[in-house]
PDB file of all heavy atoms in Angstrom:
ATOM      1  N   VAL A   1     165.568 116.815 104.283  1.00  0.00           N
ATOM      2  CA  VAL A   1     165.825 115.438 104.750  1.00  0.00           C
ATOM      3  C   VAL A   1     166.083 115.470 106.298  1.00  0.00           C
ATOM      4  O   VAL A   1     166.912 116.197 106.782  1.00  0.00           O
ATOM      5  CB  VAL A   1     167.063 114.861 104.039  1.00  0.00           C
ATOM      6  CG1 VAL A   1     167.511 113.521 104.747  1.00  0.00           C
ATOM      7  CG2 VAL A   1     166.921 114.696 102.574  1.00  0.00           C
ATOM      8  N   TRP A   2     165.206 114.719 106.996  1.00  0.00           N
ATOM      9  CA  TRP A   2     165.300 114.722 108.508  1.00  0.00           C
ATOM     10  C   TRP A   2     166.153 113.608 108.944  1.00  0.00           C
ATOM     11  O   TRP A   2     166.573 112.627 108.191  1.00  0.00           O
ATOM     12  CB  TRP A   2     163.885 114.679 108.986  1.00  0.00           C
ATOM     13  CG  TRP A   2     163.111 115.879 108.932  1.00  0.00           C
ATOM     14  CD1 TRP A   2     163.617 117.093 108.875  1.00  0.00           C
ATOM     15  CD2 TRP A   2     161.659 115.994 108.703  1.00  0.00           C
ATOM     16  NE1 TRP A   2     162.555 118.061 108.774  1.00  0.00           N
ATOM     17  CE2 TRP A   2     161.395 117.352 108.687  1.00  0.00           C
ATOM     18  CE3 TRP A   2     160.699 115.157 108.707  1.00  0.00           C
ATOM     19  CZ2 TRP A   2     160.019 117.926 108.613  1.00  0.00           C
ATOM     20  CZ3 TRP A   2     159.337 115.595 108.466  1.00  0.00           C
ATOM     21  CH2 TRP A   2     159.095 116.990 108.497  1.00  0.00           C
ATOM     22  N   PHE A   3     166.573 113.629 110.213  1.00  0.00           N
ATOM     23  CA  PHE A   3     167.276 112.580 110.846  1.00  0.00           C
ATOM     24  C   PHE A   3     166.523 111.277 110.644  1.00  0.00           C
ATOM     25  O   PHE A   3     165.325 111.175 110.922  1.00  0.00           O
ATOM     26  CB  PHE A   3     167.446 112.849 112.353  1.00  0.00           C
ATOM     27  CG  PHE A   3     168.447 113.951 112.622  1.00  0.00           C
ATOM     28  CD1 PHE A   3     167.987 115.348 112.683  1.00  0.00           C
ATOM     29  CD2 PHE A   3     169.814 113.637 112.862  1.00  0.00           C
ATOM     30  CE1 PHE A   3     168.929 116.321 112.970  1.00  0.00           C
ATOM     31  CE2 PHE A   3     170.683 114.725 113.068  1.00  0.00           C
ATOM     32  CZ  PHE A   3     170.156 115.979 113.173  1.00  0.00           C
ATOM     33  N   GLY A   4     167.341 110.240 110.203  1.00  0.00           N
ATOM     34  CA  GLY A   4     166.780 108.894 109.925  1.00  0.00           C
ATOM     35  C   GLY A   4     166.151 108.753 108.569  1.00  0.00           C
ATOM     36  O   GLY A   4     165.796 107.512 108.152  1.00  0.00           O
ATOM     37  N   GLU A   5     166.264 109.787 107.696  1.00  0.00           N
ATOM     38  CA  GLU A   5     165.802 109.679 106.319  1.00  0.00           C
ATOM     39  C   GLU A   5     167.035 109.576 105.403  1.00  0.00           C
ATOM     40  O   GLU A   5     168.091 110.052 105.658  1.00  0.00           O
ATOM     41  CB  GLU A   5     164.911 110.836 105.878  1.00  0.00           C
ATOM     42  CG  GLU A   5     163.613 110.907 106.751  1.00  0.00           C
ATOM     43  CD  GLU A   5     162.722 111.983 106.326  1.00  0.00           C
ATOM     44  OE1 GLU A   5     163.182 113.061 105.928  1.00  0.00           O
ATOM     45  OE2 GLU A   5     161.511 111.770 106.286  1.00  0.00           O
ATOM     46  N   MET A   6     166.791 108.904 104.147  1.00  0.00           N
ATOM     47  CA  MET A   6     167.848 108.855 103.231  1.00  0.00           C
ATOM     48  C   MET A   6     168.008 110.133 102.492  1.00  0.00           C
ATOM     49  O   MET A   6     167.093 110.665 101.957  1.00  0.00           O
ATOM     50  CB  MET A   6     167.570 107.724 102.249  1.00  0.00           C
ATOM     51  CG  MET A   6     168.600 107.482 101.189  1.00  0.00           C
ATOM     52  SD  MET A   6     170.256 107.058 101.890  1.00  0.00           S
ATOM     53  CE  MET A   6     169.873 105.338 102.487  1.00  0.00           C
ATOM     54  N   PRO A   7     169.366 110.641 102.342  1.00  0.00           N
ATOM     55  CA  PRO A   7     169.583 111.850 101.474  1.00  0.00           C
ATOM     56  C   PRO A   7     169.129 111.582 100.075  1.00  0.00           C
ATOM     57  O   PRO A   7     169.088 110.419  99.592  1.00  0.00           O
ATOM     58  CB  PRO A   7     171.064 112.094 101.631  1.00  0.00           C
ATOM     59  CG  PRO A   7     171.424 111.448 103.017  1.00  0.00           C
ATOM     60  CD  PRO A   7     170.515 110.269 103.161  1.00  0.00           C
ATOM     61  N   TYR A   8     168.902 112.719  99.339  1.00  0.00           N
ATOM     62  CA  TYR A   8     168.447 112.664  97.993  1.00  0.00           C
ATOM     63  C   TYR A   8     169.682 112.443  97.039  1.00  0.00           C
ATOM     64  O   TYR A   8     170.885 112.845  97.426  1.00  0.00           O
ATOM     65  CB  TYR A   8     167.713 113.914  97.636  1.00  0.00           C
ATOM     66  CG  TYR A   8     166.499 114.325  98.387  1.00  0.00           C
ATOM     67  CD1 TYR A   8     166.051 115.570  98.466  1.00  0.00           C
ATOM     68  CD2 TYR A   8     165.738 113.150  98.893  1.00  0.00           C
ATOM     69  CE1 TYR A   8     164.856 115.822  99.151  1.00  0.00           C
ATOM     70  CE2 TYR A   8     164.590 113.420  99.530  1.00  0.00           C
ATOM     71  CZ  TYR A   8     164.095 114.749  99.647  1.00  0.00           C
ATOM     72  OH  TYR A   8     163.000 115.035 100.382  1.00  0.00           O
ATOM     73  N   HIS A   9     169.441 111.923  95.825  1.00  0.00           N
ATOM     74  CA  HIS A   9     170.397 111.879  94.718  1.00  0.00           C
ATOM     75  C   HIS A   9     171.591 111.035  94.958  1.00  0.00           C
ATOM     76  O   HIS A   9     172.652 111.276  94.316  1.00  0.00           O
ATOM     77  CB  HIS A   9     170.865 113.358  94.373  1.00  0.00           C
ATOM     78  CG  HIS A   9     169.696 114.351  94.226  1.00  0.00           C
ATOM     79  ND1 HIS A   9     168.831 114.258  93.180  1.00  0.00           N
ATOM     80  CD2 HIS A   9     169.378 115.417  95.010  1.00  0.00           C
ATOM     81  CE1 HIS A   9     167.953 115.244  93.362  1.00  0.00           C
ATOM     82  NE2 HIS A   9     168.318 116.034  94.425  1.00  0.00           N
ATOM     83  N   MET A  10     171.562 110.089  95.801  1.00  0.00           N
ATOM     84  CA  MET A  10     172.733 109.287  96.178  1.00  0.00           C
ATOM     85  C   MET A  10     173.298 108.457  95.029  1.00  0.00           C
ATOM     86  O   MET A  10     174.530 108.440  94.883  1.00  0.00           O
ATOM     87  CB  MET A  10     172.388 108.421  97.412  1.00  0.00           C
ATOM     88  CG  MET A  10     172.045 109.181  98.695  1.00  0.00           C
ATOM     89  SD  MET A  10     173.312 110.417  99.082  1.00  0.00           S
ATOM     90  CE  MET A  10     174.818 109.355  99.348  1.00  0.00           C
ATOM     91  N   GLU A  11     172.531 107.953  94.214  1.00  0.00           N
ATOM     92  CA  GLU A  11     173.008 107.204  92.991  1.00  0.00           C
ATOM     93  C   GLU A  11     173.917 108.176  92.084  1.00  0.00           C
ATOM     94  O   GLU A  11     175.017 107.780  91.689  1.00  0.00           O
ATOM     95  CB  GLU A  11     171.919 106.576  92.251  1.00  0.00           C
ATOM     96  CG  GLU A  11     171.193 105.466  92.980  1.00  0.00           C
ATOM     97  CD  GLU A  11     170.306 104.690  92.016  1.00  0.00           C
ATOM     98  OE1 GLU A  11     170.232 104.941  90.799  1.00  0.00           O
ATOM     99  OE2 GLU A  11     169.609 103.706  92.582  1.00  0.00           O
ATOM    100  N   ARG A  12     173.305 109.347  91.930  1.00  0.00           N
ATOM    101  CA  ARG A  12     173.985 110.290  91.002  1.00  0.00           C
ATOM    102  C   ARG A  12     175.298 110.769  91.697  1.00  0.00           C
ATOM    103  O   ARG A  12     176.337 110.802  91.031  1.00  0.00           O
ATOM    104  CB  ARG A  12     173.174 111.519  90.681  1.00  0.00           C
ATOM    105  CG  ARG A  12     173.761 112.505  89.796  1.00  0.00           C
ATOM    106  CD  ARG A  12     172.851 113.672  89.534  1.00  0.00           C
ATOM    107  NE  ARG A  12     173.551 114.731  88.617  1.00  0.00           N
ATOM    108  CZ  ARG A  12     173.047 115.875  88.375  1.00  0.00           C
ATOM    109  NH1 ARG A  12     171.780 116.054  88.817  1.00  0.00           N
ATOM    110  NH2 ARG A  12     173.749 116.772  87.626  1.00  0.00           N
ATOM    111  N   ILE A  13     175.317 110.955  92.952  1.00  0.00           N
ATOM    112  CA  ILE A  13     176.430 111.472  93.752  1.00  0.00           C
ATOM    113  C   ILE A  13     177.523 110.444  93.671  1.00  0.00           C
ATOM    114  O   ILE A  13     178.703 110.650  93.417  1.00  0.00           O
ATOM    115  CB  ILE A  13     176.006 111.738  95.189  1.00  0.00           C
ATOM    116  CG1 ILE A  13     175.185 113.027  95.183  1.00  0.00           C
ATOM    117  CG2 ILE A  13     177.235 111.840  95.998  1.00  0.00           C
ATOM    118  CD1 ILE A  13     174.583 113.262  96.528  1.00  0.00           C
ATOM    119  N   TYR A  14     177.212 109.149  93.915  1.00  0.00           N
ATOM    120  CA  TYR A  14     178.216 108.063  93.967  1.00  0.00           C
ATOM    121  C   TYR A  14     178.767 107.796  92.617  1.00  0.00           C
ATOM    122  O   TYR A  14     180.020 107.499  92.432  1.00  0.00           O
ATOM    123  CB  TYR A  14     177.660 106.798  94.544  1.00  0.00           C
ATOM    124  CG  TYR A  14     177.598 106.876  96.051  1.00  0.00           C
ATOM    125  CD1 TYR A  14     176.478 106.744  96.854  1.00  0.00           C
ATOM    126  CD2 TYR A  14     178.814 107.155  96.866  1.00  0.00           C
ATOM    127  CE1 TYR A  14     176.431 106.796  98.222  1.00  0.00           C
ATOM    128  CE2 TYR A  14     178.826 107.109  98.156  1.00  0.00           C
ATOM    129  CZ  TYR A  14     177.670 107.034  98.898  1.00  0.00           C
ATOM    130  OH  TYR A  14     177.607 107.162 100.306  1.00  0.00           O
ATOM    131  N   ARG A  15     177.992 107.931  91.576  1.00  0.00           N
ATOM    132  CA  ARG A  15     178.481 107.870  90.153  1.00  0.00           C
ATOM    133  C   ARG A  15     179.578 108.861  89.963  1.00  0.00           C
ATOM    134  O   ARG A  15     180.637 108.607  89.389  1.00  0.00           O
ATOM    135  CB  ARG A  15     177.357 107.889  89.176  1.00  0.00           C
ATOM    136  CG  ARG A  15     176.495 106.726  89.001  1.00  0.00           C
ATOM    137  CD  ARG A  15     175.755 106.662  87.696  1.00  0.00           C
ATOM    138  NE  ARG A  15     175.024 107.831  87.547  1.00  0.00           N
ATOM    139  CZ  ARG A  15     173.670 107.921  87.958  1.00  0.00           C
ATOM    140  NH1 ARG A  15     173.129 106.955  88.494  1.00  0.00           N
ATOM    141  NH2 ARG A  15     173.018 109.086  87.699  1.00  0.00           N
ATOM    142  N   ALA A  16     179.270 110.125  90.349  1.00  0.00           N
ATOM    143  CA  ALA A  16     180.185 111.213  90.062  1.00  0.00           C
ATOM    144  C   ALA A  16     181.328 111.055  90.980  1.00  0.00           C
ATOM    145  O   ALA A  16     182.506 111.317  90.381  1.00  0.00           O
ATOM    146  CB  ALA A  16     179.493 112.607  90.433  1.00  0.00           C
ATOM    147  N   LEU A  17     181.213 110.601  92.188  1.00  0.00           N
ATOM    148  CA  LEU A  17     182.497 110.403  93.006  1.00  0.00           C
ATOM    149  C   LEU A  17     183.374 109.238  92.369  1.00  0.00           C
ATOM    150  O   LEU A  17     184.617 109.373  92.420  1.00  0.00           O
ATOM    151  CB  LEU A  17     182.035 110.026  94.352  1.00  0.00           C
ATOM    152  CG  LEU A  17     181.400 111.133  95.225  1.00  0.00           C
ATOM    153  CD1 LEU A  17     180.818 110.466  96.482  1.00  0.00           C
ATOM    154  CD2 LEU A  17     182.441 112.168  95.566  1.00  0.00           C
ATOM    155  N   GLY A  18     182.794 108.310  91.797  1.00  0.00           N
ATOM    156  CA  GLY A  18     183.591 107.216  91.177  1.00  0.00           C
ATOM    157  C   GLY A  18     184.322 107.693  89.904  1.00  0.00           C
ATOM    158  O   GLY A  18     185.110 106.952  89.509  1.00  0.00           O
ATOM    159  N   ARG A  19     183.902 108.727  89.311  1.00  0.00           N
ATOM    160  CA  ARG A  19     184.647 109.223  88.112  1.00  0.00           C
ATOM    161  C   ARG A  19     185.430 110.572  88.475  1.00  0.00           C
ATOM    162  O   ARG A  19     186.202 110.927  87.606  1.00  0.00           O
ATOM    163  CB  ARG A  19     183.616 109.634  87.075  1.00  0.00           C
ATOM    164  CG  ARG A  19     182.829 108.429  86.514  1.00  0.00           C
ATOM    165  CD  ARG A  19     182.174 108.856  85.258  1.00  0.00           C
ATOM    166  NE  ARG A  19     181.127 109.866  85.409  1.00  0.00           N
ATOM    167  CZ  ARG A  19     179.872 109.692  85.660  1.00  0.00           C
ATOM    168  NH1 ARG A  19     179.358 108.490  85.711  1.00  0.00           N
ATOM    169  NH2 ARG A  19     179.079 110.746  85.877  1.00  0.00           N
ATOM    170  N   ALA A  20     185.515 110.967  89.694  1.00  0.00           N
ATOM    171  CA  ALA A  20     186.152 112.280  89.921  1.00  0.00           C
ATOM    172  C   ALA A  20     187.643 112.134  89.948  1.00  0.00           C
ATOM    173  O   ALA A  20     188.191 111.107  90.393  1.00  0.00           O
ATOM    174  CB  ALA A  20     185.637 112.781  91.350  1.00  0.00           C
ATOM    175  N   GLU A  21     188.246 113.122  89.347  1.00  0.00           N
ATOM    176  CA  GLU A  21     189.755 113.265  89.463  1.00  0.00           C
ATOM    177  C   GLU A  21     190.029 114.362  90.487  1.00  0.00           C
ATOM    178  O   GLU A  21     191.270 114.443  90.912  1.00  0.00           O
ATOM    179  CB  GLU A  21     190.232 113.689  88.072  1.00  0.00           C
ATOM    180  CG  GLU A  21     190.055 112.579  87.032  1.00  0.00           C
ATOM    181  CD  GLU A  21     190.762 112.912  85.752  1.00  0.00           C
ATOM    182  OE1 GLU A  21     191.401 113.945  85.577  1.00  0.00           O
ATOM    183  OE2 GLU A  21     190.615 112.036  84.818  1.00  0.00           O
ATOM    184  N   LEU A  22     189.093 115.234  90.878  1.00  0.00           N
ATOM    185  CA  LEU A  22     189.287 116.139  91.887  1.00  0.00           C
ATOM    186  C   LEU A  22     188.025 116.240  92.649  1.00  0.00           C
ATOM    187  O   LEU A  22     186.874 116.416  92.201  1.00  0.00           O
ATOM    188  CB  LEU A  22     189.601 117.585  91.249  1.00  0.00           C
ATOM    189  CG  LEU A  22     189.796 118.760  92.348  1.00  0.00           C
ATOM    190  CD1 LEU A  22     191.049 118.485  93.270  1.00  0.00           C
ATOM    191  CD2 LEU A  22     189.957 120.074  91.532  1.00  0.00           C
ATOM    192  N   PHE A  23     188.235 116.145  94.065  1.00  0.00           N
ATOM    193  CA  PHE A  23     187.066 116.302  95.022  1.00  0.00           C
ATOM    194  C   PHE A  23     187.408 117.383  95.956  1.00  0.00           C
ATOM    195  O   PHE A  23     188.577 117.342  96.587  1.00  0.00           O
ATOM    196  CB  PHE A  23     186.939 114.951  95.707  1.00  0.00           C
ATOM    197  CG  PHE A  23     185.854 115.148  96.774  1.00  0.00           C
ATOM    198  CD1 PHE A  23     184.520 115.215  96.544  1.00  0.00           C
ATOM    199  CD2 PHE A  23     186.256 115.143  98.171  1.00  0.00           C
ATOM    200  CE1 PHE A  23     183.563 115.390  97.607  1.00  0.00           C
ATOM    201  CE2 PHE A  23     185.321 115.256  99.172  1.00  0.00           C
ATOM    202  CZ  PHE A  23     183.933 115.338  98.861  1.00  0.00           C
ATOM    203  N   VAL A  24     186.569 118.285  96.117  1.00  0.00           N
ATOM    204  CA  VAL A  24     186.807 119.477  97.030  1.00  0.00           C
ATOM    205  C   VAL A  24     185.586 119.572  97.985  1.00  0.00           C
ATOM    206  O   VAL A  24     184.429 119.589  97.549  1.00  0.00           O
ATOM    207  CB  VAL A  24     186.889 120.782  96.243  1.00  0.00           C
ATOM    208  CG1 VAL A  24     187.383 121.954  97.181  1.00  0.00           C
ATOM    209  CG2 VAL A  24     188.012 120.652  95.127  1.00  0.00           C
ATOM    210  N   ALA A  25     185.923 119.653  99.270  1.00  0.00           N
ATOM    211  CA  ALA A  25     184.909 119.827 100.329  1.00  0.00           C
ATOM    212  C   ALA A  25     185.088 121.374 100.922  1.00  0.00           C
ATOM    213  O   ALA A  25     186.202 121.596 101.273  1.00  0.00           O
ATOM    214  CB  ALA A  25     185.006 118.806 101.431  1.00  0.00           C
ATOM    215  N   ILE A  26     183.950 122.031 100.966  1.00  0.00           N
ATOM    216  CA  ILE A  26     184.008 123.303 101.364  1.00  0.00           C
ATOM    217  C   ILE A  26     183.096 123.575 102.509  1.00  0.00           C
ATOM    218  O   ILE A  26     181.888 123.417 102.333  1.00  0.00           O
ATOM    219  CB  ILE A  26     183.691 124.322 100.190  1.00  0.00           C
ATOM    220  CG1 ILE A  26     184.655 124.104  99.022  1.00  0.00           C
ATOM    221  CG2 ILE A  26     183.704 125.811 100.707  1.00  0.00           C
ATOM    222  CD1 ILE A  26     184.331 124.818  97.693  1.00  0.00           C
ATOM    223  N   GLY A  27     183.525 124.095 103.661  1.00  0.00           N
ATOM    224  CA  GLY A  27     182.624 124.492 104.700  1.00  0.00           C
ATOM    225  C   GLY A  27     181.854 123.331 105.386  1.00  0.00           C
ATOM    226  O   GLY A  27     180.694 123.647 105.798  1.00  0.00           O
ATOM    227  N   THR A  28     182.429 122.190 105.308  1.00  0.00           N
ATOM    228  CA  THR A  28     181.729 121.106 105.961  1.00  0.00           C
ATOM    229  C   THR A  28     182.327 120.665 107.276  1.00  0.00           C
ATOM    230  O   THR A  28     183.509 120.738 107.535  1.00  0.00           O
ATOM    231  CB  THR A  28     181.754 119.811 104.929  1.00  0.00           C
ATOM    232  OG1 THR A  28     183.161 119.407 104.824  1.00  0.00           O
ATOM    233  CG2 THR A  28     181.095 120.035 103.662  1.00  0.00           C
ATOM    234  N   SER A  29     181.470 120.145 108.155  1.00  0.00           N
ATOM    235  CA  SER A  29     181.925 119.738 109.554  1.00  0.00           C
ATOM    236  C   SER A  29     182.605 118.465 109.629  1.00  0.00           C
ATOM    237  O   SER A  29     183.366 118.076 110.417  1.00  0.00           O
ATOM    238  CB  SER A  29     180.725 119.786 110.509  1.00  0.00           C
ATOM    239  OG  SER A  29     179.798 118.684 110.149  1.00  0.00           O
ATOM    240  N   GLY A  30     182.131 117.516 108.625  1.00  0.00           N
ATOM    241  CA  GLY A  30     182.688 116.071 108.746  1.00  0.00           C
ATOM    242  C   GLY A  30     181.880 115.308 109.654  1.00  0.00           C
ATOM    243  O   GLY A  30     182.303 114.208 109.949  1.00  0.00           O
ATOM    244  N   HIS A  31     180.794 115.812 110.204  1.00  0.00           N
ATOM    245  CA  HIS A  31     180.056 115.163 111.299  1.00  0.00           C
ATOM    246  C   HIS A  31     178.938 114.294 110.612  1.00  0.00           C
ATOM    247  O   HIS A  31     178.392 113.377 111.265  1.00  0.00           O
ATOM    248  CB  HIS A  31     179.400 116.047 112.267  1.00  0.00           C
ATOM    249  CG  HIS A  31     180.385 116.679 113.152  1.00  0.00           C
ATOM    250  ND1 HIS A  31     180.478 118.062 113.446  1.00  0.00           N
ATOM    251  CD2 HIS A  31     181.329 116.164 114.066  1.00  0.00           C
ATOM    252  CE1 HIS A  31     181.409 118.310 114.342  1.00  0.00           C
ATOM    253  NE2 HIS A  31     181.959 117.162 114.682  1.00  0.00           N
ATOM    254  N   VAL A  32     178.432 114.725 109.439  1.00  0.00           N
ATOM    255  CA  VAL A  32     177.197 114.268 108.798  1.00  0.00           C
ATOM    256  C   VAL A  32     177.512 113.146 107.796  1.00  0.00           C
ATOM    257  O   VAL A  32     178.212 113.289 106.843  1.00  0.00           O
ATOM    258  CB  VAL A  32     176.356 115.313 108.201  1.00  0.00           C
ATOM    259  CG1 VAL A  32     174.996 114.819 107.679  1.00  0.00           C
ATOM    260  CG2 VAL A  32     176.180 116.452 109.263  1.00  0.00           C
ATOM    261  N   TYR A  33     176.961 112.022 108.056  1.00  0.00           N
ATOM    262  CA  TYR A  33     177.066 110.892 107.056  1.00  0.00           C
ATOM    263  C   TYR A  33     175.741 110.766 106.290  1.00  0.00           C
ATOM    264  O   TYR A  33     174.761 111.079 106.776  1.00  0.00           O
ATOM    265  CB  TYR A  33     177.345 109.530 107.785  1.00  0.00           C
ATOM    266  CG  TYR A  33     178.762 109.556 108.351  1.00  0.00           C
ATOM    267  CD1 TYR A  33     179.045 110.112 109.660  1.00  0.00           C
ATOM    268  CD2 TYR A  33     179.801 109.001 107.622  1.00  0.00           C
ATOM    269  CE1 TYR A  33     180.286 110.082 110.090  1.00  0.00           C
ATOM    270  CE2 TYR A  33     181.096 108.902 108.199  1.00  0.00           C
ATOM    271  CZ  TYR A  33     181.352 109.532 109.336  1.00  0.00           C
ATOM    272  OH  TYR A  33     182.635 109.522 109.825  1.00  0.00           O
ATOM    273  N   PRO A  34     175.934 110.386 105.013  1.00  0.00           N
ATOM    274  CA  PRO A  34     177.019 109.811 104.339  1.00  0.00           C
ATOM    275  C   PRO A  34     178.024 110.747 103.673  1.00  0.00           C
ATOM    276  O   PRO A  34     179.034 110.355 103.263  1.00  0.00           O
ATOM    277  CB  PRO A  34     176.411 108.964 103.140  1.00  0.00           C
ATOM    278  CG  PRO A  34     175.138 109.776 102.828  1.00  0.00           C
ATOM    279  CD  PRO A  34     174.605 110.259 104.196  1.00  0.00           C
ATOM    280  N   ALA A  35     177.710 112.131 103.832  1.00  0.00           N
ATOM    281  CA  ALA A  35     178.687 113.023 103.133  1.00  0.00           C
ATOM    282  C   ALA A  35     180.157 113.073 103.713  1.00  0.00           C
ATOM    283  O   ALA A  35     181.033 113.186 102.965  1.00  0.00           O
ATOM    284  CB  ALA A  35     178.045 114.462 103.341  1.00  0.00           C
ATOM    285  N   ALA A  36     180.244 112.705 104.990  1.00  0.00           N
ATOM    286  CA  ALA A  36     181.514 112.653 105.578  1.00  0.00           C
ATOM    287  C   ALA A  36     182.348 111.522 104.932  1.00  0.00           C
ATOM    288  O   ALA A  36     183.609 111.615 105.065  1.00  0.00           O
ATOM    289  CB  ALA A  36     181.405 112.388 107.009  1.00  0.00           C
ATOM    290  N   ASP A  37     181.737 110.480 104.284  1.00  0.00           N
ATOM    291  CA  ASP A  37     182.485 109.456 103.624  1.00  0.00           C
ATOM    292  C   ASP A  37     182.851 109.809 102.223  1.00  0.00           C
ATOM    293  O   ASP A  37     183.531 108.993 101.523  1.00  0.00           O
ATOM    294  CB  ASP A  37     181.652 108.112 103.738  1.00  0.00           C
ATOM    295  CG  ASP A  37     181.806 107.400 104.955  1.00  0.00           C
ATOM    296  OD1 ASP A  37     182.804 107.609 105.706  1.00  0.00           O
ATOM    297  OD2 ASP A  37     180.912 106.665 105.285  1.00  0.00           O
TER     298      ASP A  37
END
């Protein structure tokens, strides 16, 4: 995925986030969206 392109698997990711009871971020910068959200 290049700059300006939509990341893959976003529907599956948001479904999982909506059901998550524990979310863990490992080794991320927090600069890159949408992952930073």
